[in-house]
Amino acid sequence: GLEWNNAGMTVDLCIARCSQESFKYAGLQYGT
């Protein structure tokens, strides 16, 4: 649905972004 790369990635950042976009799942990969 959406991809985002951020050198400062955290679990909370990813969850917040996916929630804001109304997705059901967030997945983190490769550290960033």
PDB file of all heavy atoms in Angstrom:
ATOM      1  N   GLY A   1       0.784  -1.224   0.000  1.00  0.00           N
ATOM      2  CA  GLY A   1       0.000   0.000   0.000  1.00  0.00           C
ATOM      3  C   GLY A   1       0.814   1.272   0.000  1.00  0.00           C
ATOM      4  O   GLY A   1       0.464   2.257  -0.647  1.00  0.00           O
ATOM      5  N   LEU A   2       1.919   1.295   0.751  1.00  0.00           N
ATOM      6  CA  LEU A   2       2.747   2.486   0.883  1.00  0.00           C
ATOM      7  C   LEU A   2       4.131   2.046   1.326  1.00  0.00           C
ATOM      8  O   LEU A   2       4.263   1.090   2.089  1.00  0.00           O
ATOM      9  CB  LEU A   2       2.143   3.418   1.941  1.00  0.00           C
ATOM     10  CG  LEU A   2       2.879   4.723   2.233  1.00  0.00           C
ATOM     11  CD1 LEU A   2       1.861   5.849   2.388  1.00  0.00           C
ATOM     12  CD2 LEU A   2       3.704   4.620   3.494  1.00  0.00           C
ATOM     13  N   GLU A   3       5.169   2.715   0.829  1.00  0.00           N
ATOM     14  CA  GLU A   3       6.521   2.444   1.296  1.00  0.00           C
ATOM     15  C   GLU A   3       7.182   3.752   1.688  1.00  0.00           C
ATOM     16  O   GLU A   3       6.887   4.810   1.129  1.00  0.00           O
ATOM     17  CB  GLU A   3       7.357   1.729   0.234  1.00  0.00           C
ATOM     18  CG  GLU A   3       7.673   2.555  -0.988  1.00  0.00           C
ATOM     19  CD  GLU A   3       8.492   1.798  -2.012  1.00  0.00           C
ATOM     20  OE1 GLU A   3       9.142   0.795  -1.680  1.00  0.00           O
ATOM     21  OE2 GLU A   3       8.491   2.228  -3.171  1.00  0.00           O
ATOM     22  N   TRP A   4       8.058   3.675   2.689  1.00  0.00           N
ATOM     23  CA  TRP A   4       8.704   4.870   3.214  1.00  0.00           C
ATOM     24  C   TRP A   4      10.049   4.474   3.798  1.00  0.00           C
ATOM     25  O   TRP A   4      10.127   3.541   4.595  1.00  0.00           O
ATOM     26  CB  TRP A   4       7.792   5.469   4.274  1.00  0.00           C
ATOM     27  CG  TRP A   4       8.305   6.651   5.027  1.00  0.00           C
ATOM     28  CD1 TRP A   4       9.032   7.687   4.532  1.00  0.00           C
ATOM     29  CD2 TRP A   4       8.101   6.937   6.403  1.00  0.00           C
ATOM     30  NE1 TRP A   4       9.286   8.598   5.525  1.00  0.00           N
ATOM     31  CE2 TRP A   4       8.718   8.159   6.684  1.00  0.00           C
ATOM     32  CE3 TRP A   4       7.438   6.277   7.428  1.00  0.00           C
ATOM     33  CZ2 TRP A   4       8.716   8.739   7.950  1.00  0.00           C
ATOM     34  CZ3 TRP A   4       7.431   6.849   8.677  1.00  0.00           C
ATOM     35  CH2 TRP A   4       8.058   8.069   8.925  1.00  0.00           C
ATOM     36  N   ASN A   5      11.085   5.158   3.392  1.00  0.00           N
ATOM     37  CA  ASN A   5      12.424   4.914   3.916  1.00  0.00           C
ATOM     38  C   ASN A   5      12.849   6.131   4.723  1.00  0.00           C
ATOM     39  O   ASN A   5      12.740   7.263   4.251  1.00  0.00           O
ATOM     40  CB  ASN A   5      13.408   4.664   2.778  1.00  0.00           C
ATOM     41  CG  ASN A   5      14.774   4.237   3.266  1.00  0.00           C
ATOM     42  OD1 ASN A   5      14.956   3.856   4.408  1.00  0.00           O
ATOM     43  ND2 ASN A   5      15.744   4.292   2.382  1.00  0.00           N
ATOM     44  N   ASN A   6      13.318   5.894   5.961  1.00  0.00           N
ATOM     45  CA  ASN A   6      13.717   6.979   6.842  1.00  0.00           C
ATOM     46  C   ASN A   6      14.877   6.482   7.701  1.00  0.00           C
ATOM     47  O   ASN A   6      14.720   5.503   8.428  1.00  0.00           O
ATOM     48  CB  ASN A   6      12.528   7.385   7.715  1.00  0.00           C
ATOM     49  CG  ASN A   6      12.820   8.535   8.644  1.00  0.00           C
ATOM     50  OD1 ASN A   6      13.940   8.743   9.079  1.00  0.00           O
ATOM     51  ND2 ASN A   6      11.775   9.271   8.969  1.00  0.00           N
ATOM     52  N   ALA A   7      16.018   7.157   7.628  1.00  0.00           N
ATOM     53  CA  ALA A   7      17.197   6.746   8.393  1.00  0.00           C
ATOM     54  C   ALA A   7      16.920   6.736   9.893  1.00  0.00           C
ATOM     55  O   ALA A   7      17.559   6.003  10.639  1.00  0.00           O
ATOM     56  CB  ALA A   7      18.372   7.668   8.081  1.00  0.00           C
ATOM     57  N   GLY A   8      15.961   7.510  10.353  1.00  0.00           N
ATOM     58  CA  GLY A   8      15.599   7.572  11.767  1.00  0.00           C
ATOM     59  C   GLY A   8      14.373   6.745  12.105  1.00  0.00           C
ATOM     60  O   GLY A   8      13.673   7.046  13.079  1.00  0.00           O
ATOM     61  N   MET A   9      14.104   5.690  11.333  1.00  0.00           N
ATOM     62  CA  MET A   9      12.892   4.883  11.506  1.00  0.00           C
ATOM     63  C   MET A   9      12.818   4.265  12.904  1.00  0.00           C
ATOM     64  O   MET A   9      13.808   3.816  13.462  1.00  0.00           O
ATOM     65  CB  MET A   9      12.853   3.764  10.460  1.00  0.00           C
ATOM     66  CG  MET A   9      11.555   2.968  10.450  1.00  0.00           C
ATOM     67  SD  MET A   9      10.101   3.968  10.084  1.00  0.00           S
ATOM     68  CE  MET A   9      10.396   4.369   8.373  1.00  0.00           C
ATOM     69  N   THR A  10      11.592   4.263  13.441  1.00  0.00           N
ATOM     70  CA  THR A  10      11.267   3.552  14.677  1.00  0.00           C
ATOM     71  C   THR A  10       9.952   2.815  14.457  1.00  0.00           C
ATOM     72  O   THR A  10       9.224   3.107  13.492  1.00  0.00           O
ATOM     73  CB  THR A  10      11.101   4.506  15.882  1.00  0.00           C
ATOM     74  OG1 THR A  10       9.950   5.326  15.657  1.00  0.00           O
ATOM     75  CG2 THR A  10      12.340   5.354  16.114  1.00  0.00           C
ATOM     76  N   VAL A  11       9.647   1.899  15.340  1.00  0.00           N
ATOM     77  CA  VAL A  11       8.373   1.183  15.262  1.00  0.00           C
ATOM     78  C   VAL A  11       7.220   2.187  15.344  1.00  0.00           C
ATOM     79  O   VAL A  11       6.266   2.126  14.562  1.00  0.00           O
ATOM     80  CB  VAL A  11       8.270   0.122  16.383  1.00  0.00           C
ATOM     81  CG1 VAL A  11       6.872  -0.472  16.448  1.00  0.00           C
ATOM     82  CG2 VAL A  11       9.306  -0.971  16.174  1.00  0.00           C
ATOM     83  N   ASP A  12       7.319   3.126  16.267  1.00  0.00           N
ATOM     84  CA  ASP A  12       6.242   4.106  16.452  1.00  0.00           C
ATOM     85  C   ASP A  12       6.030   4.988  15.219  1.00  0.00           C
ATOM     86  O   ASP A  12       4.885   5.291  14.867  1.00  0.00           O
ATOM     87  CB  ASP A  12       6.526   4.988  17.669  1.00  0.00           C
ATOM     88  CG  ASP A  12       6.505   4.202  18.976  1.00  0.00           C
ATOM     89  OD1 ASP A  12       5.798   3.179  19.044  1.00  0.00           O
ATOM     90  OD2 ASP A  12       7.205   4.602  19.912  1.00  0.00           O
ATOM     91  N   LEU A  13       7.109   5.392  14.566  1.00  0.00           N
ATOM     92  CA  LEU A  13       6.978   6.213  13.352  1.00  0.00           C
ATOM     93  C   LEU A  13       6.240   5.459  12.253  1.00  0.00           C
ATOM     94  O   LEU A  13       5.349   5.998  11.601  1.00  0.00           O
ATOM     95  CB  LEU A  13       8.349   6.636  12.826  1.00  0.00           C
ATOM     96  CG  LEU A  13       9.036   7.804  13.486  1.00  0.00           C
ATOM     97  CD1 LEU A  13      10.444   7.980  12.914  1.00  0.00           C
ATOM     98  CD2 LEU A  13       8.234   9.077  13.275  1.00  0.00           C
ATOM     99  N   CYS A  14       6.620   4.206  12.047  1.00  0.00           N
ATOM    100  CA  CYS A  14       5.987   3.404  10.997  1.00  0.00           C
ATOM    101  C   CYS A  14       4.510   3.163  11.309  1.00  0.00           C
ATOM    102  O   CYS A  14       3.650   3.345  10.442  1.00  0.00           O
ATOM    103  CB  CYS A  14       6.733   2.080  10.844  1.00  0.00           C
ATOM    104  SG  CYS A  14       6.093   1.025   9.526  1.00  0.00           S
ATOM    105  N   ILE A  15       4.221   2.786  12.543  1.00  0.00           N
ATOM    106  CA  ILE A  15       2.832   2.540  12.923  1.00  0.00           C
ATOM    107  C   ILE A  15       1.997   3.806  12.760  1.00  0.00           C
ATOM    108  O   ILE A  15       0.880   3.765  12.245  1.00  0.00           O
ATOM    109  CB  ILE A  15       2.761   1.991  14.362  1.00  0.00           C
ATOM    110  CG1 ILE A  15       3.247   0.541  14.377  1.00  0.00           C
ATOM    111  CG2 ILE A  15       1.352   2.098  14.937  1.00  0.00           C
ATOM    112  CD1 ILE A  15       3.385  -0.063  15.760  1.00  0.00           C
ATOM    113  N   ALA A  16       2.540   4.941  13.188  1.00  0.00           N
ATOM    114  CA  ALA A  16       1.806   6.209  13.078  1.00  0.00           C
ATOM    115  C   ALA A  16       1.520   6.549  11.623  1.00  0.00           C
ATOM    116  O   ALA A  16       0.402   6.960  11.280  1.00  0.00           O
ATOM    117  CB  ALA A  16       2.589   7.335  13.741  1.00  0.00           C
ATOM    118  N   ARG A  17       2.496   6.365  10.745  1.00  0.00           N
ATOM    119  CA  ARG A  17       2.311   6.690   9.327  1.00  0.00           C
ATOM    120  C   ARG A  17       1.264   5.787   8.688  1.00  0.00           C
ATOM    121  O   ARG A  17       0.383   6.260   7.960  1.00  0.00           O
ATOM    122  CB  ARG A  17       3.650   6.566   8.591  1.00  0.00           C
ATOM    123  CG  ARG A  17       3.598   6.833   7.110  1.00  0.00           C
ATOM    124  CD  ARG A  17       3.548   8.321   6.808  1.00  0.00           C
ATOM    125  NE  ARG A  17       3.442   8.606   5.411  1.00  0.00           N
ATOM    126  CZ  ARG A  17       4.472   8.859   4.606  1.00  0.00           C
ATOM    127  NH1 ARG A  17       5.695   8.867   5.076  1.00  0.00           N
ATOM    128  NH2 ARG A  17       4.276   9.127   3.340  1.00  0.00           N
ATOM    129  N   CYS A  18       1.348   4.500   8.953  1.00  0.00           N
ATOM    130  CA  CYS A  18       0.375   3.564   8.365  1.00  0.00           C
ATOM    131  C   CYS A  18      -1.027   3.798   8.930  1.00  0.00           C
ATOM    132  O   CYS A  18      -2.012   3.708   8.190  1.00  0.00           O
ATOM    133  CB  CYS A  18       0.822   2.123   8.594  1.00  0.00           C
ATOM    134  SG  CYS A  18       2.334   1.672   7.708  1.00  0.00           S
ATOM    135  N   SER A  19      -1.116   4.102  10.215  1.00  0.00           N
ATOM    136  CA  SER A  19      -2.411   4.400  10.829  1.00  0.00           C
ATOM    137  C   SER A  19      -3.017   5.658  10.226  1.00  0.00           C
ATOM    138  O   SER A  19      -4.215   5.705   9.931  1.00  0.00           O
ATOM    139  CB  SER A  19      -2.259   4.593  12.342  1.00  0.00           C
ATOM    140  OG  SER A  19      -1.928   3.391  12.960  1.00  0.00           O
ATOM    141  N   GLN A  20      -2.184   6.677  10.051  1.00  0.00           N
ATOM    142  CA  GLN A  20      -2.649   7.944   9.470  1.00  0.00           C
ATOM    143  C   GLN A  20      -3.217   7.738   8.069  1.00  0.00           C
ATOM    144  O   GLN A  20      -4.166   8.405   7.674  1.00  0.00           O
ATOM    145  CB  GLN A  20      -1.476   8.925   9.419  1.00  0.00           C
ATOM    146  CG  GLN A  20      -1.828  10.274   8.843  1.00  0.00           C
ATOM    147  CD  GLN A  20      -0.602  11.179   8.782  1.00  0.00           C
ATOM    148  OE1 GLN A  20       0.535  10.734   8.731  1.00  0.00           O
ATOM    149  NE2 GLN A  20      -0.856  12.475   8.783  1.00  0.00           N
ATOM    150  N   GLU A  21      -2.660   6.799   7.350  1.00  0.00           N
ATOM    151  CA  GLU A  21      -3.120   6.502   5.990  1.00  0.00           C
ATOM    152  C   GLU A  21      -4.227   5.442   5.969  1.00  0.00           C
ATOM    153  O   GLU A  21      -4.607   4.964   4.906  1.00  0.00           O
ATOM    154  CB  GLU A  21      -1.935   6.039   5.130  1.00  0.00           C
ATOM    155  CG  GLU A  21      -0.816   7.060   5.007  1.00  0.00           C
ATOM    156  CD  GLU A  21      -1.186   8.260   4.162  1.00  0.00           C
ATOM    157  OE1 GLU A  21      -2.060   8.145   3.278  1.00  0.00           O
ATOM    158  OE2 GLU A  21      -0.594   9.337   4.394  1.00  0.00           O
ATOM    159  N   SER A  22      -4.714   5.033   7.130  1.00  0.00           N
ATOM    160  CA  SER A  22      -5.838   4.092   7.302  1.00  0.00           C
ATOM    161  C   SER A  22      -5.559   2.676   6.804  1.00  0.00           C
ATOM    162  O   SER A  22      -6.475   1.978   6.353  1.00  0.00           O
ATOM    163  CB  SER A  22      -7.100   4.645   6.628  1.00  0.00           C
ATOM    164  OG  SER A  22      -7.460   5.876   7.217  1.00  0.00           O
ATOM    165  N   PHE A  23      -4.321   2.220   6.920  1.00  0.00           N
ATOM    166  CA  PHE A  23      -3.993   0.834   6.580  1.00  0.00           C
ATOM    167  C   PHE A  23      -4.209  -0.064   7.788  1.00  0.00           C
ATOM    168  O   PHE A  23      -4.231   0.399   8.930  1.00  0.00           O
ATOM    169  CB  PHE A  23      -2.543   0.721   6.088  1.00  0.00           C
ATOM    170  CG  PHE A  23      -2.343   1.279   4.715  1.00  0.00           C
ATOM    171  CD1 PHE A  23      -1.740   2.509   4.535  1.00  0.00           C
ATOM    172  CD2 PHE A  23      -2.772   0.582   3.594  1.00  0.00           C
ATOM    173  CE1 PHE A  23      -1.550   3.041   3.265  1.00  0.00           C
ATOM    174  CE2 PHE A  23      -2.593   1.100   2.320  1.00  0.00           C
ATOM    175  CZ  PHE A  23      -1.993   2.328   2.155  1.00  0.00           C
ATOM    176  N   LYS A  24      -4.347  -1.369   7.548  1.00  0.00           N
ATOM    177  CA  LYS A  24      -4.578  -2.341   8.618  1.00  0.00           C
ATOM    178  C   LYS A  24      -3.276  -2.864   9.224  1.00  0.00           C
ATOM    179  O   LYS A  24      -3.262  -3.307  10.367  1.00  0.00           O
ATOM    180  CB  LYS A  24      -5.379  -3.536   8.086  1.00  0.00           C
ATOM    181  CG  LYS A  24      -6.794  -3.194   7.696  1.00  0.00           C
ATOM    182  CD  LYS A  24      -7.505  -4.431   7.175  1.00  0.00           C
ATOM    183  CE  LYS A  24      -8.907  -4.098   6.713  1.00  0.00           C
ATOM    184  NZ  LYS A  24      -9.581  -5.270   6.142  1.00  0.00           N
ATOM    185  N   TYR A  25      -2.189  -2.841   8.435  1.00  0.00           N
ATOM    186  CA  TYR A  25      -0.927  -3.415   8.889  1.00  0.00           C
ATOM    187  C   TYR A  25       0.241  -2.485   8.577  1.00  0.00           C
ATOM    188  O   TYR A  25       0.249  -1.793   7.563  1.00  0.00           O
ATOM    189  CB  TYR A  25      -0.660  -4.763   8.209  1.00  0.00           C
ATOM    190  CG  TYR A  25      -1.738  -5.772   8.462  1.00  0.00           C
ATOM    191  CD1 TYR A  25      -2.717  -6.017   7.510  1.00  0.00           C
ATOM    192  CD2 TYR A  25      -1.787  -6.483   9.656  1.00  0.00           C
ATOM    193  CE1 TYR A  25      -3.724  -6.939   7.744  1.00  0.00           C
ATOM    194  CE2 TYR A  25      -2.794  -7.406   9.904  1.00  0.00           C
ATOM    195  CZ  TYR A  25      -3.748  -7.626   8.944  1.00  0.00           C
ATOM    196  OH  TYR A  25      -4.747  -8.530   9.179  1.00  0.00           O
ATOM    197  N   ALA A  26       1.231  -2.541   9.470  1.00  0.00           N
ATOM    198  CA  ALA A  26       2.500  -1.854   9.269  1.00  0.00           C
ATOM    199  C   ALA A  26       3.592  -2.913   9.317  1.00  0.00           C
ATOM    200  O   ALA A  26       3.530  -3.847  10.115  1.00  0.00           O
ATOM    201  CB  ALA A  26       2.727  -0.818  10.368  1.00  0.00           C
ATOM    202  N   GLY A  27       4.582  -2.771   8.453  1.00  0.00           N
ATOM    203  CA  GLY A  27       5.699  -3.707   8.437  1.00  0.00           C
ATOM    204  C   GLY A  27       7.013  -2.965   8.326  1.00  0.00           C
ATOM    205  O   GLY A  27       7.160  -2.073   7.490  1.00  0.00           O
ATOM    206  N   LEU A  28       7.956  -3.323   9.171  1.00  0.00           N
ATOM    207  CA  LEU A  28       9.281  -2.702   9.144  1.00  0.00           C
ATOM    208  C   LEU A  28      10.273  -3.678   8.552  1.00  0.00           C
ATOM    209  O   LEU A  28      10.195  -4.887   8.802  1.00  0.00           O
ATOM    210  CB  LEU A  28       9.700  -2.312  10.557  1.00  0.00           C
ATOM    211  CG  LEU A  28       8.834  -1.193  11.119  1.00  0.00           C
ATOM    212  CD1 LEU A  28       8.055  -1.651  12.299  1.00  0.00           C
ATOM    213  CD2 LEU A  28       9.662   0.014  11.412  1.00  0.00           C
ATOM    214  N   GLN A  29      11.213  -3.145   7.767  1.00  0.00           N
ATOM    215  CA  GLN A  29      12.152  -3.998   7.067  1.00  0.00           C
ATOM    216  C   GLN A  29      13.502  -3.302   6.939  1.00  0.00           C
ATOM    217  O   GLN A  29      13.569  -2.096   6.680  1.00  0.00           O
ATOM    218  CB  GLN A  29      11.585  -4.318   5.672  1.00  0.00           C
ATOM    219  CG  GLN A  29      12.363  -5.350   4.909  1.00  0.00           C
ATOM    220  CD  GLN A  29      11.719  -5.679   3.572  1.00  0.00           C
ATOM    221  OE1 GLN A  29      12.378  -5.636   2.552  1.00  0.00           O
ATOM    222  NE2 GLN A  29      10.433  -6.003   3.562  1.00  0.00           N
ATOM    223  N   TYR A  30      14.548  -4.054   7.119  1.00  0.00           N
ATOM    224  CA  TYR A  30      15.932  -3.635   6.858  1.00  0.00           C
ATOM    225  C   TYR A  30      16.374  -2.412   7.662  1.00  0.00           C
ATOM    226  O   TYR A  30      17.178  -1.615   7.227  1.00  0.00           O
ATOM    227  CB  TYR A  30      16.121  -3.421   5.354  1.00  0.00           C
ATOM    228  CG  TYR A  30      17.548  -3.607   4.893  1.00  0.00           C
ATOM    229  CD1 TYR A  30      18.161  -4.834   5.028  1.00  0.00           C
ATOM    230  CD2 TYR A  30      18.255  -2.559   4.344  1.00  0.00           C
ATOM    231  CE1 TYR A  30      19.469  -5.013   4.610  1.00  0.00           C
ATOM    232  CE2 TYR A  30      19.564  -2.730   3.920  1.00  0.00           C
ATOM    233  CZ  TYR A  30      20.159  -3.963   4.065  1.00  0.00           C
ATOM    234  OH  TYR A  30      21.474  -4.134   3.657  1.00  0.00           O
ATOM    235  N   GLY A  31      15.754  -2.223   8.836  1.00  0.00           N
ATOM    236  CA  GLY A  31      16.178  -1.176   9.750  1.00  0.00           C
ATOM    237  C   GLY A  31      15.633   0.216   9.496  1.00  0.00           C
ATOM    238  O   GLY A  31      15.471   0.998  10.421  1.00  0.00           O
ATOM    239  N   THR A  32      15.319   0.531   8.233  1.00  0.00           N
ATOM    240  CA  THR A  32      14.893   1.897   7.904  1.00  0.00           C
ATOM    241  C   THR A  32      13.653   1.968   7.020  1.00  0.00           C
ATOM    242  O   THR A  32      13.191   3.054   6.694  1.00  0.00           O
ATOM    243  CB  THR A  32      16.024   2.668   7.194  1.00  0.00           C
ATOM    244  OG1 THR A  32      16.356   2.008   5.968  1.00  0.00           O
ATOM    245  CG2 THR A  32      17.254   2.783   8.078  1.00  0.00           C
TER     246      THR A  32
END
